[in-house]
């Protein structure tokens, strides 16, 4: 899932995302809650209508963003009090009002409110955090069950006809960097019973090997007949291997953020377009890539745009990186359909 934090994938309009074959976008509840506000989005028909996107959207609960405001937040059993990074105003997220915000935004998939444990953290501190996430997960689910018909696009007539259209609420597995806590969290989150499950609290500063270890410990305990989502990963090579473990969904800011800094992913490895050696290179960025950037522009031109600080550099770089990630996943799906994925790493 490309990340469209504030209902926008930076620099890329929705029609280009459609051309790239994007199937689902991620939006951020924390940012949309602060600006333009949940009531505004609700009155405009929900986030899809607001951003003119007729395909699925997933919103995270805001827990990770609040976690990142370590000096601006206070956590207790009820929820998290935090100050806006925009103007310093005071706000409060509980499992109930976080889910209320996600219901109001109207995304197709919404996430339970959780506490993201910092890294490093002692085992006992991590256990307490995991236990609170489990209590918050149950509160999130209870509120969702009671209010899930309140989405801005919910049709009462449809409900009366016996085919309700509800958002799907995913539970989030926590447990820090301790495999025993991850396994316990997974088992107890599954007991609460959600339509889908996510593994959260990763990419918070831990080594990549530890991220892999936590996913590998957790995935087997999540139901195979429900979506399994790893939040905040990874490089193109990593996402292929996560699929091999059994992961269905992933999101990451890496392809868009790296693009804005001139780091591009290709079939020949990473390319730093800022490097002087590209200044007179007439070749496309990636001769094996079919995106419209590689079809039209040379490395020399892309390097020139970046050196000249042209906004177009960020746009074209982002389009290519998204295309590369999406093509990677298309190859994965094709290999799975052909029965070649599990047996051969060269199939992707």
C-alpha atoms as a PDB file:
ATOM      1  CA  UNK A   1       0.000   0.000   0.000  1.00  0.00           C
ATOM      2  CA  UNK A   2       1.462   3.377  -0.955  1.00  0.00           C
ATOM      3  CA  UNK A   3       1.260   5.781   1.978  1.00  0.00           C
ATOM      4  CA  UNK A   4      -0.973   8.816   1.455  1.00  0.00           C
ATOM      5  CA  UNK A   5      -0.602  10.267   4.951  1.00  0.00           C
ATOM      6  CA  UNK A   6      -2.812  13.355   4.601  1.00  0.00           C
ATOM      7  CA  UNK A   7      -5.055  11.904   1.856  1.00  0.00           C
ATOM      8  CA  UNK A   8      -2.261  12.490  -0.647  1.00  0.00           C
ATOM      9  CA  UNK A   9       0.674  10.459  -1.917  1.00  0.00           C
ATOM     10  CA  UNK A  10       3.234  13.255  -2.026  1.00  0.00           C
ATOM     11  CA  UNK A  11       3.605  14.668  -5.530  1.00  0.00           C
ATOM     12  CA  UNK A  12       1.475  12.051  -7.294  1.00  0.00           C
ATOM     13  CA  UNK A  13      -2.136  12.794  -8.334  1.00  0.00           C
ATOM     14  CA  UNK A  14      -4.796  10.134  -8.075  1.00  0.00           C
ATOM     15  CA  UNK A  15      -5.081   9.522 -11.826  1.00  0.00           C
ATOM     16  CA  UNK A  16      -1.390   8.581 -11.955  1.00  0.00           C
ATOM     17  CA  UNK A  17      -1.864   6.213  -9.005  1.00  0.00           C
ATOM     18  CA  UNK A  18      -4.672   4.571 -10.969  1.00  0.00           C
ATOM     19  CA  UNK A  19      -2.439   4.265 -14.049  1.00  0.00           C
ATOM     20  CA  UNK A  20       0.200   2.607 -11.866  1.00  0.00           C
ATOM     21  CA  UNK A  21      -2.344   0.005 -10.757  1.00  0.00           C
ATOM     22  CA  UNK A  22      -2.538   0.986  -7.079  1.00  0.00           C
ATOM     23  CA  UNK A  23      -5.275  -1.129  -5.481  1.00  0.00           C
ATOM     24  CA  UNK A  24      -5.392   0.364  -1.995  1.00  0.00           C
ATOM     25  CA  UNK A  25      -3.968   3.427  -0.221  1.00  0.00           C
ATOM     26  CA  UNK A  26      -3.090   4.105   3.404  1.00  0.00           C
ATOM     27  CA  UNK A  27      -4.217   7.334   5.101  1.00  0.00           C
ATOM     28  CA  UNK A  28      -3.316   8.508   8.599  1.00  0.00           C
ATOM     29  CA  UNK A  29      -6.012   9.148  11.211  1.00  0.00           C
ATOM     30  CA  UNK A  30      -3.813  11.366  13.391  1.00  0.00           C
ATOM     31  CA  UNK A  31      -3.004  13.780  10.586  1.00  0.00           C
ATOM     32  CA  UNK A  32      -6.536  13.903   9.130  1.00  0.00           C
ATOM     33  CA  UNK A  33      -7.990  14.312  12.629  1.00  0.00           C
ATOM     34  CA  UNK A  34      -5.856  17.424  13.115  1.00  0.00           C
ATOM     35  CA  UNK A  35      -6.316  18.757   9.575  1.00  0.00           C
ATOM     36  CA  UNK A  36      -8.864  19.160   7.985  1.00  0.00           C
ATOM     37  CA  UNK A  37     -10.740  17.402  10.822  1.00  0.00           C
ATOM     38  CA  UNK A  38     -12.948  14.319  10.947  1.00  0.00           C
ATOM     39  CA  UNK A  39     -16.219  16.289  10.805  1.00  0.00           C
ATOM     40  CA  UNK A  40     -15.088  18.060   7.644  1.00  0.00           C
ATOM     41  CA  UNK A  41     -14.206  14.785   5.916  1.00  0.00           C
ATOM     42  CA  UNK A  42     -17.435  13.142   7.109  1.00  0.00           C
ATOM     43  CA  UNK A  43     -19.588  15.981   5.783  1.00  0.00           C
ATOM     44  CA  UNK A  44     -17.795  15.741   2.440  1.00  0.00           C
ATOM     45  CA  UNK A  45     -18.809  12.088   2.148  1.00  0.00           C
ATOM     46  CA  UNK A  46     -15.812  10.292   3.631  1.00  0.00           C
ATOM     47  CA  UNK A  47     -12.151  10.143   2.748  1.00  0.00           C
ATOM     48  CA  UNK A  48     -12.639   8.424  -0.644  1.00  0.00           C
ATOM     49  CA  UNK A  49     -15.002  11.078  -1.908  1.00  0.00           C
ATOM     50  CA  UNK A  50     -12.891  13.806  -0.296  1.00  0.00           C
ATOM     51  CA  UNK A  51      -9.751  12.778  -2.179  1.00  0.00           C
ATOM     52  CA  UNK A  52     -11.557  11.523  -5.305  1.00  0.00           C
ATOM     53  CA  UNK A  53     -10.357   7.938  -4.959  1.00  0.00           C
ATOM     54  CA  UNK A  54     -12.819   5.159  -5.758  1.00  0.00           C
ATOM     55  CA  UNK A  55     -10.710   2.249  -4.540  1.00  0.00           C
ATOM     56  CA  UNK A  56     -10.107   0.959  -1.002  1.00  0.00           C
ATOM     57  CA  UNK A  57      -8.389   2.974   1.733  1.00  0.00           C
ATOM     58  CA  UNK A  58      -6.912   1.786   5.021  1.00  0.00           C
ATOM     59  CA  UNK A  59      -6.517   4.193   7.935  1.00  0.00           C
ATOM     60  CA  UNK A  60      -4.187   3.493  10.823  1.00  0.00           C
ATOM     61  CA  UNK A  61      -5.379   4.432  14.289  1.00  0.00           C
ATOM     62  CA  UNK A  62      -2.867   7.201  14.957  1.00  0.00           C
ATOM     63  CA  UNK A  63      -1.113   5.143  17.622  1.00  0.00           C
ATOM     64  CA  UNK A  64       2.237   5.132  15.831  1.00  0.00           C
ATOM     65  CA  UNK A  65       2.157   8.901  15.209  1.00  0.00           C
ATOM     66  CA  UNK A  66       1.298   9.572  18.846  1.00  0.00           C
ATOM     67  CA  UNK A  67       4.148   7.210  19.809  1.00  0.00           C
ATOM     68  CA  UNK A  68       6.549   9.322  17.748  1.00  0.00           C
ATOM     69  CA  UNK A  69       5.564  12.428  19.755  1.00  0.00           C
ATOM     70  CA  UNK A  70       7.359  11.076  22.830  1.00  0.00           C
ATOM     71  CA  UNK A  71       8.001  14.536  24.304  1.00  0.00           C
ATOM     72  CA  UNK A  72       4.457  15.730  23.586  1.00  0.00           C
ATOM     73  CA  UNK A  73       2.353  12.864  25.009  1.00  0.00           C
ATOM     74  CA  UNK A  74       1.206  11.238  28.256  1.00  0.00           C
ATOM     75  CA  UNK A  75      -0.140   7.674  28.313  1.00  0.00           C
ATOM     76  CA  UNK A  76      -2.481   6.092  30.864  1.00  0.00           C
ATOM     77  CA  UNK A  77      -5.082   3.334  30.891  1.00  0.00           C
ATOM     78  CA  UNK A  78      -7.741   5.593  29.400  1.00  0.00           C
ATOM     79  CA  UNK A  79      -5.663   6.593  26.379  1.00  0.00           C
ATOM     80  CA  UNK A  80      -3.076   9.127  25.262  1.00  0.00           C
ATOM     81  CA  UNK A  81      -3.032  12.867  25.800  1.00  0.00           C
ATOM     82  CA  UNK A  82      -0.890  14.632  23.228  1.00  0.00           C
ATOM     83  CA  UNK A  83      -0.099  18.007  21.755  1.00  0.00           C
ATOM     84  CA  UNK A  84      -0.540  18.719  18.067  1.00  0.00           C
ATOM     85  CA  UNK A  85       2.697  18.999  16.135  1.00  0.00           C
ATOM     86  CA  UNK A  86       0.959  21.762  14.132  1.00  0.00           C
ATOM     87  CA  UNK A  87       0.004  24.299  16.805  1.00  0.00           C
ATOM     88  CA  UNK A  88       0.648  22.720  20.213  1.00  0.00           C
ATOM     89  CA  UNK A  89      -3.060  22.325  20.996  1.00  0.00           C
ATOM     90  CA  UNK A  90      -3.988  19.586  23.477  1.00  0.00           C
ATOM     91  CA  UNK A  91      -5.857  16.456  22.322  1.00  0.00           C
ATOM     92  CA  UNK A  92      -6.782  13.028  23.655  1.00  0.00           C
ATOM     93  CA  UNK A  93      -7.044   9.672  21.884  1.00  0.00           C
ATOM     94  CA  UNK A  94      -8.713   6.719  23.575  1.00  0.00           C
ATOM     95  CA  UNK A  95      -9.571   3.449  21.849  1.00  0.00           C
ATOM     96  CA  UNK A  96     -13.152   4.687  21.592  1.00  0.00           C
ATOM     97  CA  UNK A  97     -12.581   8.118  20.084  1.00  0.00           C
ATOM     98  CA  UNK A  98      -9.780   6.846  17.849  1.00  0.00           C
ATOM     99  CA  UNK A  99     -12.210   4.298  16.359  1.00  0.00           C
ATOM    100  CA  UNK A 100     -14.895   6.997  16.211  1.00  0.00           C
ATOM    101  CA  UNK A 101     -12.500   9.115  14.133  1.00  0.00           C
ATOM    102  CA  UNK A 102     -11.758   6.198  11.797  1.00  0.00           C
ATOM    103  CA  UNK A 103     -15.461   5.451  11.408  1.00  0.00           C
ATOM    104  CA  UNK A 104     -16.045   9.123  10.628  1.00  0.00           C
ATOM    105  CA  UNK A 105     -13.299   9.188   8.011  1.00  0.00           C
ATOM    106  CA  UNK A 106     -14.990   6.223   6.348  1.00  0.00           C
ATOM    107  CA  UNK A 107     -12.034   4.092   5.186  1.00  0.00           C
ATOM    108  CA  UNK A 108     -12.653   0.469   4.180  1.00  0.00           C
ATOM    109  CA  UNK A 109     -10.148  -0.986   6.654  1.00  0.00           C
ATOM    110  CA  UNK A 110      -9.498   0.579  10.047  1.00  0.00           C
ATOM    111  CA  UNK A 111      -7.016  -0.324  12.766  1.00  0.00           C
ATOM    112  CA  UNK A 112      -7.502  -0.907  16.485  1.00  0.00           C
ATOM    113  CA  UNK A 113      -5.864   1.632  18.798  1.00  0.00           C
ATOM    114  CA  UNK A 114      -2.582   0.314  20.166  1.00  0.00           C
ATOM    115  CA  UNK A 115       0.524   1.382  22.036  1.00  0.00           C
ATOM    116  CA  UNK A 116       3.690   1.115  19.987  1.00  0.00           C
ATOM    117  CA  UNK A 117       6.516   0.059  22.303  1.00  0.00           C
ATOM    118  CA  UNK A 118       9.779   1.953  21.992  1.00  0.00           C
ATOM    119  CA  UNK A 119      13.096   0.278  21.163  1.00  0.00           C
ATOM    120  CA  UNK A 120      14.982  -0.730  23.167  1.00  0.00           C
ATOM    121  CA  UNK A 121      12.637  -1.623  26.025  1.00  0.00           C
ATOM    122  CA  UNK A 122      12.974  -4.064  28.932  1.00  0.00           C
ATOM    123  CA  UNK A 123      10.895  -7.246  28.877  1.00  0.00           C
ATOM    124  CA  UNK A 124       8.652  -6.153  31.782  1.00  0.00           C
ATOM    125  CA  UNK A 125       8.017  -2.734  30.265  1.00  0.00           C
ATOM    126  CA  UNK A 126       7.191  -4.411  26.929  1.00  0.00           C
ATOM    127  CA  UNK A 127       4.809  -6.869  28.621  1.00  0.00           C
ATOM    128  CA  UNK A 128       2.892  -4.032  30.310  1.00  0.00           C
ATOM    129  CA  UNK A 129       2.634  -2.230  26.983  1.00  0.00           C
ATOM    130  CA  UNK A 130       1.427  -5.410  25.258  1.00  0.00           C
ATOM    131  CA  UNK A 131      -1.191  -6.006  27.958  1.00  0.00           C
ATOM    132  CA  UNK A 132      -2.543  -2.487  27.562  1.00  0.00           C
ATOM    133  CA  UNK A 133      -2.689  -2.902  23.776  1.00  0.00           C
ATOM    134  CA  UNK A 134      -4.771  -6.057  24.321  1.00  0.00           C
ATOM    135  CA  UNK A 135      -7.169  -4.207  26.631  1.00  0.00           C
ATOM    136  CA  UNK A 136      -7.377  -1.360  24.123  1.00  0.00           C
ATOM    137  CA  UNK A 137      -7.971  -3.889  21.324  1.00  0.00           C
ATOM    138  CA  UNK A 138     -11.055  -5.239  23.073  1.00  0.00           C
ATOM    139  CA  UNK A 139     -12.336  -1.699  23.728  1.00  0.00           C
ATOM    140  CA  UNK A 140     -11.698  -0.819  20.073  1.00  0.00           C
ATOM    141  CA  UNK A 141     -13.659  -3.867  18.931  1.00  0.00           C
ATOM    142  CA  UNK A 142     -16.555  -3.209  21.323  1.00  0.00           C
ATOM    143  CA  UNK A 143     -16.897   0.388  20.153  1.00  0.00           C
ATOM    144  CA  UNK A 144     -16.684  -0.662  16.500  1.00  0.00           C
ATOM    145  CA  UNK A 145     -19.421  -3.251  16.969  1.00  0.00           C
ATOM    146  CA  UNK A 146     -21.708  -0.677  18.554  1.00  0.00           C
ATOM    147  CA  UNK A 147     -21.067   2.119  16.022  1.00  0.00           C
ATOM    148  CA  UNK A 148     -19.918   0.526  12.748  1.00  0.00           C
ATOM    149  CA  UNK A 149     -23.068   1.641  10.914  1.00  0.00           C
ATOM    150  CA  UNK A 150     -22.113   5.324  11.384  1.00  0.00           C
ATOM    151  CA  UNK A 151     -19.740   5.631   8.420  1.00  0.00           C
ATOM    152  CA  UNK A 152     -20.480   8.617   6.143  1.00  0.00           C
ATOM    153  CA  UNK A 153     -21.245   6.308   3.194  1.00  0.00           C
ATOM    154  CA  UNK A 154     -23.360   3.739   5.066  1.00  0.00           C
ATOM    155  CA  UNK A 155     -26.708   3.122   3.380  1.00  0.00           C
ATOM    156  CA  UNK A 156     -29.536   2.227   5.751  1.00  0.00           C
ATOM    157  CA  UNK A 157     -31.559   0.796   2.858  1.00  0.00           C
ATOM    158  CA  UNK A 158     -28.702  -1.556   2.018  1.00  0.00           C
ATOM    159  CA  UNK A 159     -28.659  -2.767   5.608  1.00  0.00           C
ATOM    160  CA  UNK A 160     -32.405  -3.439   5.518  1.00  0.00           C
ATOM    161  CA  UNK A 161     -31.943  -5.478   2.345  1.00  0.00           C
ATOM    162  CA  UNK A 162     -29.657  -7.790   4.303  1.00  0.00           C
ATOM    163  CA  UNK A 163     -26.282  -6.901   2.762  1.00  0.00           C
ATOM    164  CA  UNK A 164     -24.602  -4.460   5.161  1.00  0.00           C
ATOM    165  CA  UNK A 165     -21.440  -2.685   4.072  1.00  0.00           C
ATOM    166  CA  UNK A 166     -19.163  -2.292   7.089  1.00  0.00           C
ATOM    167  CA  UNK A 167     -15.604  -1.262   7.587  1.00  0.00           C
ATOM    168  CA  UNK A 168     -13.229  -4.081   8.536  1.00  0.00           C
ATOM    169  CA  UNK A 169     -11.430  -3.605  11.854  1.00  0.00           C
ATOM    170  CA  UNK A 170      -7.978  -5.183  12.168  1.00  0.00           C
ATOM    171  CA  UNK A 171      -6.373  -6.044  15.493  1.00  0.00           C
ATOM    172  CA  UNK A 172      -2.680  -5.262  16.016  1.00  0.00           C
ATOM    173  CA  UNK A 173      -0.110  -7.635  17.513  1.00  0.00           C
ATOM    174  CA  UNK A 174       2.517  -5.971  19.702  1.00  0.00           C
ATOM    175  CA  UNK A 175       5.217  -7.384  21.989  1.00  0.00           C
ATOM    176  CA  UNK A 176       8.295  -5.385  21.104  1.00  0.00           C
ATOM    177  CA  UNK A 177      11.373  -7.389  20.173  1.00  0.00           C
ATOM    178  CA  UNK A 178      10.563 -10.402  22.338  1.00  0.00           C
ATOM    179  CA  UNK A 179       9.399 -13.491  20.459  1.00  0.00           C
ATOM    180  CA  UNK A 180       7.580 -14.931  23.494  1.00  0.00           C
ATOM    181  CA  UNK A 181       5.538 -11.742  23.897  1.00  0.00           C
ATOM    182  CA  UNK A 182       4.830 -11.592  20.172  1.00  0.00           C
ATOM    183  CA  UNK A 183       3.478 -15.134  20.229  1.00  0.00           C
ATOM    184  CA  UNK A 184       1.354 -14.454  23.303  1.00  0.00           C
ATOM    185  CA  UNK A 185       0.044 -11.210  21.837  1.00  0.00           C
ATOM    186  CA  UNK A 186      -0.860 -12.969  18.580  1.00  0.00           C
ATOM    187  CA  UNK A 187      -2.750 -15.768  20.330  1.00  0.00           C
ATOM    188  CA  UNK A 188      -4.691 -13.406  22.587  1.00  0.00           C
ATOM    189  CA  UNK A 189      -5.474 -10.926  19.782  1.00  0.00           C
ATOM    190  CA  UNK A 190      -6.879 -13.773  17.674  1.00  0.00           C
ATOM    191  CA  UNK A 191      -9.078 -14.773  20.641  1.00  0.00           C
ATOM    192  CA  UNK A 192     -10.694 -11.319  20.540  1.00  0.00           C
ATOM    193  CA  UNK A 193     -11.656 -12.096  16.925  1.00  0.00           C
ATOM    194  CA  UNK A 194     -11.045  -9.478  14.247  1.00  0.00           C
ATOM    195  CA  UNK A 195     -11.697  -9.554  10.478  1.00  0.00           C
ATOM    196  CA  UNK A 196      -7.943  -9.166   9.925  1.00  0.00           C
ATOM    197  CA  UNK A 197      -4.670  -8.940  11.846  1.00  0.00           C
ATOM    198  CA  UNK A 198      -1.625  -6.679  11.721  1.00  0.00           C
ATOM    199  CA  UNK A 199       1.859  -6.953  13.195  1.00  0.00           C
ATOM    200  CA  UNK A 200       2.757  -3.497  14.505  1.00  0.00           C
ATOM    201  CA  UNK A 201       5.552  -1.920  16.493  1.00  0.00           C
ATOM    202  CA  UNK A 202       8.243  -2.668  13.911  1.00  0.00           C
ATOM    203  CA  UNK A 203      10.647  -0.309  12.117  1.00  0.00           C
ATOM    204  CA  UNK A 204      11.135   1.639  15.348  1.00  0.00           C
ATOM    205  CA  UNK A 205      14.936   1.531  15.264  1.00  0.00           C
ATOM    206  CA  UNK A 206      15.600  -2.177  15.657  1.00  0.00           C
ATOM    207  CA  UNK A 207      18.008  -4.078  13.360  1.00  0.00           C
ATOM    208  CA  UNK A 208      16.393  -5.515  10.240  1.00  0.00           C
ATOM    209  CA  UNK A 209      17.246  -9.017  11.429  1.00  0.00           C
ATOM    210  CA  UNK A 210      15.161  -8.438  14.559  1.00  0.00           C
ATOM    211  CA  UNK A 211      12.216  -7.210  12.467  1.00  0.00           C
ATOM    212  CA  UNK A 212      12.387 -10.409  10.442  1.00  0.00           C
ATOM    213  CA  UNK A 213      12.622 -12.536  13.601  1.00  0.00           C
ATOM    214  CA  UNK A 214       9.475 -10.946  15.077  1.00  0.00           C
ATOM    215  CA  UNK A 215       7.459 -11.427  11.893  1.00  0.00           C
ATOM    216  CA  UNK A 216       8.629 -15.024  11.568  1.00  0.00           C
ATOM    217  CA  UNK A 217       7.622 -15.744  15.181  1.00  0.00           C
ATOM    218  CA  UNK A 218       4.180 -14.195  14.795  1.00  0.00           C
ATOM    219  CA  UNK A 219       2.818 -15.070  11.342  1.00  0.00           C
ATOM    220  CA  UNK A 220       2.172 -18.800  11.958  1.00  0.00           C
ATOM    221  CA  UNK A 221      -0.191 -17.904  14.819  1.00  0.00           C
ATOM    222  CA  UNK A 222      -2.431 -15.641  12.721  1.00  0.00           C
ATOM    223  CA  UNK A 223      -5.360 -17.210  10.817  1.00  0.00           C
ATOM    224  CA  UNK A 224      -4.530 -18.131   7.224  1.00  0.00           C
ATOM    225  CA  UNK A 225      -8.083 -17.362   6.093  1.00  0.00           C
ATOM    226  CA  UNK A 226      -7.901 -13.709   7.198  1.00  0.00           C
ATOM    227  CA  UNK A 227      -5.642 -10.884   5.948  1.00  0.00           C
ATOM    228  CA  UNK A 228      -2.226 -10.711   7.606  1.00  0.00           C
ATOM    229  CA  UNK A 229      -0.657  -7.265   7.481  1.00  0.00           C
ATOM    230  CA  UNK A 230       2.859  -6.204   8.516  1.00  0.00           C
ATOM    231  CA  UNK A 231       2.981  -2.470   9.180  1.00  0.00           C
ATOM    232  CA  UNK A 232       5.839  -0.250   8.044  1.00  0.00           C
ATOM    233  CA  UNK A 233       8.025  -2.544   5.894  1.00  0.00           C
ATOM    234  CA  UNK A 234      10.246  -2.705   3.816  1.00  0.00           C
ATOM    235  CA  UNK A 235      12.668  -2.760   0.842  1.00  0.00           C
ATOM    236  CA  UNK A 236      11.592  -4.510  -2.402  1.00  0.00           C
ATOM    237  CA  UNK A 237      13.720  -7.537  -1.531  1.00  0.00           C
ATOM    238  CA  UNK A 238      12.268  -7.692   1.975  1.00  0.00           C
ATOM    239  CA  UNK A 239       8.622  -7.516   0.959  1.00  0.00           C
ATOM    240  CA  UNK A 240       9.080 -10.490  -1.359  1.00  0.00           C
ATOM    241  CA  UNK A 241      10.467 -12.519   1.535  1.00  0.00           C
ATOM    242  CA  UNK A 242       7.691 -11.384   3.875  1.00  0.00           C
ATOM    243  CA  UNK A 243       5.173 -12.729   1.353  1.00  0.00           C
ATOM    244  CA  UNK A 244       7.126 -15.980   1.407  1.00  0.00           C
ATOM    245  CA  UNK A 245       6.508 -16.112   5.177  1.00  0.00           C
ATOM    246  CA  UNK A 246       2.771 -15.660   4.605  1.00  0.00           C
ATOM    247  CA  UNK A 247       2.250 -11.886   4.764  1.00  0.00           C
ATOM    248  CA  UNK A 248      -0.610 -10.539   2.616  1.00  0.00           C
ATOM    249  CA  UNK A 249      -0.361  -6.769   3.080  1.00  0.00           C
ATOM    250  CA  UNK A 250       2.381  -4.236   3.703  1.00  0.00           C
ATOM    251  CA  UNK A 251       2.823  -0.480   3.671  1.00  0.00           C
ATOM    252  CA  UNK A 252       5.924   1.666   3.825  1.00  0.00           C
ATOM    253  CA  UNK A 253       6.961   5.283   3.276  1.00  0.00           C
ATOM    254  CA  UNK A 254      10.299   4.059   1.896  1.00  0.00           C
ATOM    255  CA  UNK A 255       9.524   4.209  -1.862  1.00  0.00           C
ATOM    256  CA  UNK A 256       8.137   7.754  -1.656  1.00  0.00           C
ATOM    257  CA  UNK A 257      10.508   9.136   0.982  1.00  0.00           C
ATOM    258  CA  UNK A 258      13.583   7.655  -0.704  1.00  0.00           C
ATOM    259  CA  UNK A 259      12.440   9.086  -4.037  1.00  0.00           C
ATOM    260  CA  UNK A 260      12.324  12.593  -2.595  1.00  0.00           C
ATOM    261  CA  UNK A 261      15.952  12.147  -1.533  1.00  0.00           C
ATOM    262  CA  UNK A 262      17.115  10.836  -4.904  1.00  0.00           C
ATOM    263  CA  UNK A 263      17.332   7.143  -3.970  1.00  0.00           C
ATOM    264  CA  UNK A 264      15.736   4.979  -6.650  1.00  0.00           C
ATOM    265  CA  UNK A 265      15.063   1.236  -6.753  1.00  0.00           C
ATOM    266  CA  UNK A 266      15.874  -0.654  -9.945  1.00  0.00           C
ATOM    267  CA  UNK A 267      16.349  -4.215 -11.203  1.00  0.00           C
ATOM    268  CA  UNK A 268      20.096  -3.525 -11.005  1.00  0.00           C
ATOM    269  CA  UNK A 269      19.972  -2.351  -7.384  1.00  0.00           C
ATOM    270  CA  UNK A 270      19.646   1.039  -5.729  1.00  0.00           C
ATOM    271  CA  UNK A 271      20.594   4.124  -7.747  1.00  0.00           C
ATOM    272  CA  UNK A 272      21.536   7.423  -6.109  1.00  0.00           C
ATOM    273  CA  UNK A 273      20.531   9.812  -8.868  1.00  0.00           C
ATOM    274  CA  UNK A 274      22.460  12.644  -7.169  1.00  0.00           C
ATOM    275  CA  UNK A 275      25.786  11.050  -8.115  1.00  0.00           C
ATOM    276  CA  UNK A 276      27.844  12.943 -10.726  1.00  0.00           C
ATOM    277  CA  UNK A 277      28.409   9.829 -12.811  1.00  0.00           C
ATOM    278  CA  UNK A 278      24.811  10.086 -14.047  1.00  0.00           C
ATOM    279  CA  UNK A 279      25.262  13.623 -15.400  1.00  0.00           C
ATOM    280  CA  UNK A 280      25.807  12.484 -19.028  1.00  0.00           C
ATOM    281  CA  UNK A 281      24.164   9.094 -18.907  1.00  0.00           C
ATOM    282  CA  UNK A 282      21.658   8.799 -21.775  1.00  0.00           C
ATOM    283  CA  UNK A 283      20.339   5.437 -20.579  1.00  0.00           C
ATOM    284  CA  UNK A 284      16.981   5.052 -18.868  1.00  0.00           C
ATOM    285  CA  UNK A 285      16.953   4.674 -15.112  1.00  0.00           C
ATOM    286  CA  UNK A 286      16.028   0.989 -15.407  1.00  0.00           C
ATOM    287  CA  UNK A 287      15.952  -0.623 -18.887  1.00  0.00           C
ATOM    288  CA  UNK A 288      13.797  -3.463 -17.516  1.00  0.00           C
ATOM    289  CA  UNK A 289      11.171  -1.115 -16.061  1.00  0.00           C
ATOM    290  CA  UNK A 290       8.059  -0.323 -18.063  1.00  0.00           C
ATOM    291  CA  UNK A 291       7.016   2.811 -16.161  1.00  0.00           C
ATOM    292  CA  UNK A 292       6.540   6.041 -18.051  1.00  0.00           C
ATOM    293  CA  UNK A 293       9.572   7.606 -16.352  1.00  0.00           C
ATOM    294  CA  UNK A 294      11.937   4.934 -17.628  1.00  0.00           C
ATOM    295  CA  UNK A 295      10.233   4.935 -21.016  1.00  0.00           C
ATOM    296  CA  UNK A 296      10.788   8.650 -21.564  1.00  0.00           C
ATOM    297  CA  UNK A 297      13.596  10.172 -19.489  1.00  0.00           C
ATOM    298  CA  UNK A 298      17.335   9.560 -19.195  1.00  0.00           C
ATOM    299  CA  UNK A 299      19.371   9.270 -16.019  1.00  0.00           C
ATOM    300  CA  UNK A 300      21.105  12.495 -17.068  1.00  0.00           C
ATOM    301  CA  UNK A 301      17.811  14.383 -17.124  1.00  0.00           C
ATOM    302  CA  UNK A 302      16.644  12.958 -13.810  1.00  0.00           C
ATOM    303  CA  UNK A 303      19.970  13.878 -12.268  1.00  0.00           C
ATOM    304  CA  UNK A 304      19.698  17.412 -13.709  1.00  0.00           C
ATOM    305  CA  UNK A 305      16.198  17.888 -12.268  1.00  0.00           C
ATOM    306  CA  UNK A 306      17.376  16.801  -8.829  1.00  0.00           C
ATOM    307  CA  UNK A 307      20.489  18.992  -8.930  1.00  0.00           C
ATOM    308  CA  UNK A 308      18.365  21.958 -10.023  1.00  0.00           C
ATOM    309  CA  UNK A 309      15.963  21.314  -7.122  1.00  0.00           C
ATOM    310  CA  UNK A 310      13.028  21.031  -9.505  1.00  0.00           C
ATOM    311  CA  UNK A 311       9.766  19.756  -8.009  1.00  0.00           C
ATOM    312  CA  UNK A 312       9.436  17.535 -11.086  1.00  0.00           C
ATOM    313  CA  UNK A 313      12.432  15.525  -9.835  1.00  0.00           C
ATOM    314  CA  UNK A 314      10.504  14.418  -6.754  1.00  0.00           C
ATOM    315  CA  UNK A 315       7.404  13.649  -8.814  1.00  0.00           C
ATOM    316  CA  UNK A 316       9.178  11.500 -11.418  1.00  0.00           C
ATOM    317  CA  UNK A 317      11.336   9.751  -8.829  1.00  0.00           C
ATOM    318  CA  UNK A 318       8.247   8.891  -6.779  1.00  0.00           C
ATOM    319  CA  UNK A 319       6.331   7.600  -9.792  1.00  0.00           C
ATOM    320  CA  UNK A 320       9.225   5.290 -10.674  1.00  0.00           C
ATOM    321  CA  UNK A 321       9.715   3.958  -7.150  1.00  0.00           C
ATOM    322  CA  UNK A 322       6.000   3.261  -6.752  1.00  0.00           C
ATOM    323  CA  UNK A 323       5.946   1.537 -10.138  1.00  0.00           C
ATOM    324  CA  UNK A 324       8.909  -0.619  -9.127  1.00  0.00           C
ATOM    325  CA  UNK A 325       7.281  -1.686  -5.842  1.00  0.00           C
ATOM    326  CA  UNK A 326       3.942  -2.391  -7.521  1.00  0.00           C
ATOM    327  CA  UNK A 327       5.623  -4.365 -10.309  1.00  0.00           C
ATOM    328  CA  UNK A 328       7.478  -6.384  -7.681  1.00  0.00           C
ATOM    329  CA  UNK A 329       4.195  -7.352  -6.053  1.00  0.00           C
ATOM    330  CA  UNK A 330       2.599  -8.108  -9.423  1.00  0.00           C
ATOM    331  CA  UNK A 331       5.421 -10.542 -10.142  1.00  0.00           C
ATOM    332  CA  UNK A 332       4.892 -12.109  -6.730  1.00  0.00           C
ATOM    333  CA  UNK A 333       1.175 -12.605  -7.388  1.00  0.00           C
ATOM    334  CA  UNK A 334       1.848 -14.046 -10.831  1.00  0.00           C
ATOM    335  CA  UNK A 335       4.416 -16.483  -9.436  1.00  0.00           C
ATOM    336  CA  UNK A 336       1.933 -17.573  -6.757  1.00  0.00           C
ATOM    337  CA  UNK A 337      -0.799 -18.095  -9.359  1.00  0.00           C
ATOM    338  CA  UNK A 338       1.546 -20.170 -11.505  1.00  0.00           C
ATOM    339  CA  UNK A 339       2.611 -22.219  -8.514  1.00  0.00           C
ATOM    340  CA  UNK A 340       6.222 -21.104  -8.879  1.00  0.00           C
ATOM    341  CA  UNK A 341       6.659 -18.749  -5.945  1.00  0.00           C
ATOM    342  CA  UNK A 342       7.353 -21.157  -3.101  1.00  0.00           C
ATOM    343  CA  UNK A 343       9.800 -23.265  -5.072  1.00  0.00           C
ATOM    344  CA  UNK A 344      11.958 -20.630  -6.764  1.00  0.00           C
ATOM    345  CA  UNK A 345      13.344 -17.280  -5.680  1.00  0.00           C
ATOM    346  CA  UNK A 346      14.145 -16.517  -9.325  1.00  0.00           C
ATOM    347  CA  UNK A 347      10.427 -16.558 -10.158  1.00  0.00           C
ATOM    348  CA  UNK A 348      10.110 -12.940  -8.930  1.00  0.00           C
END
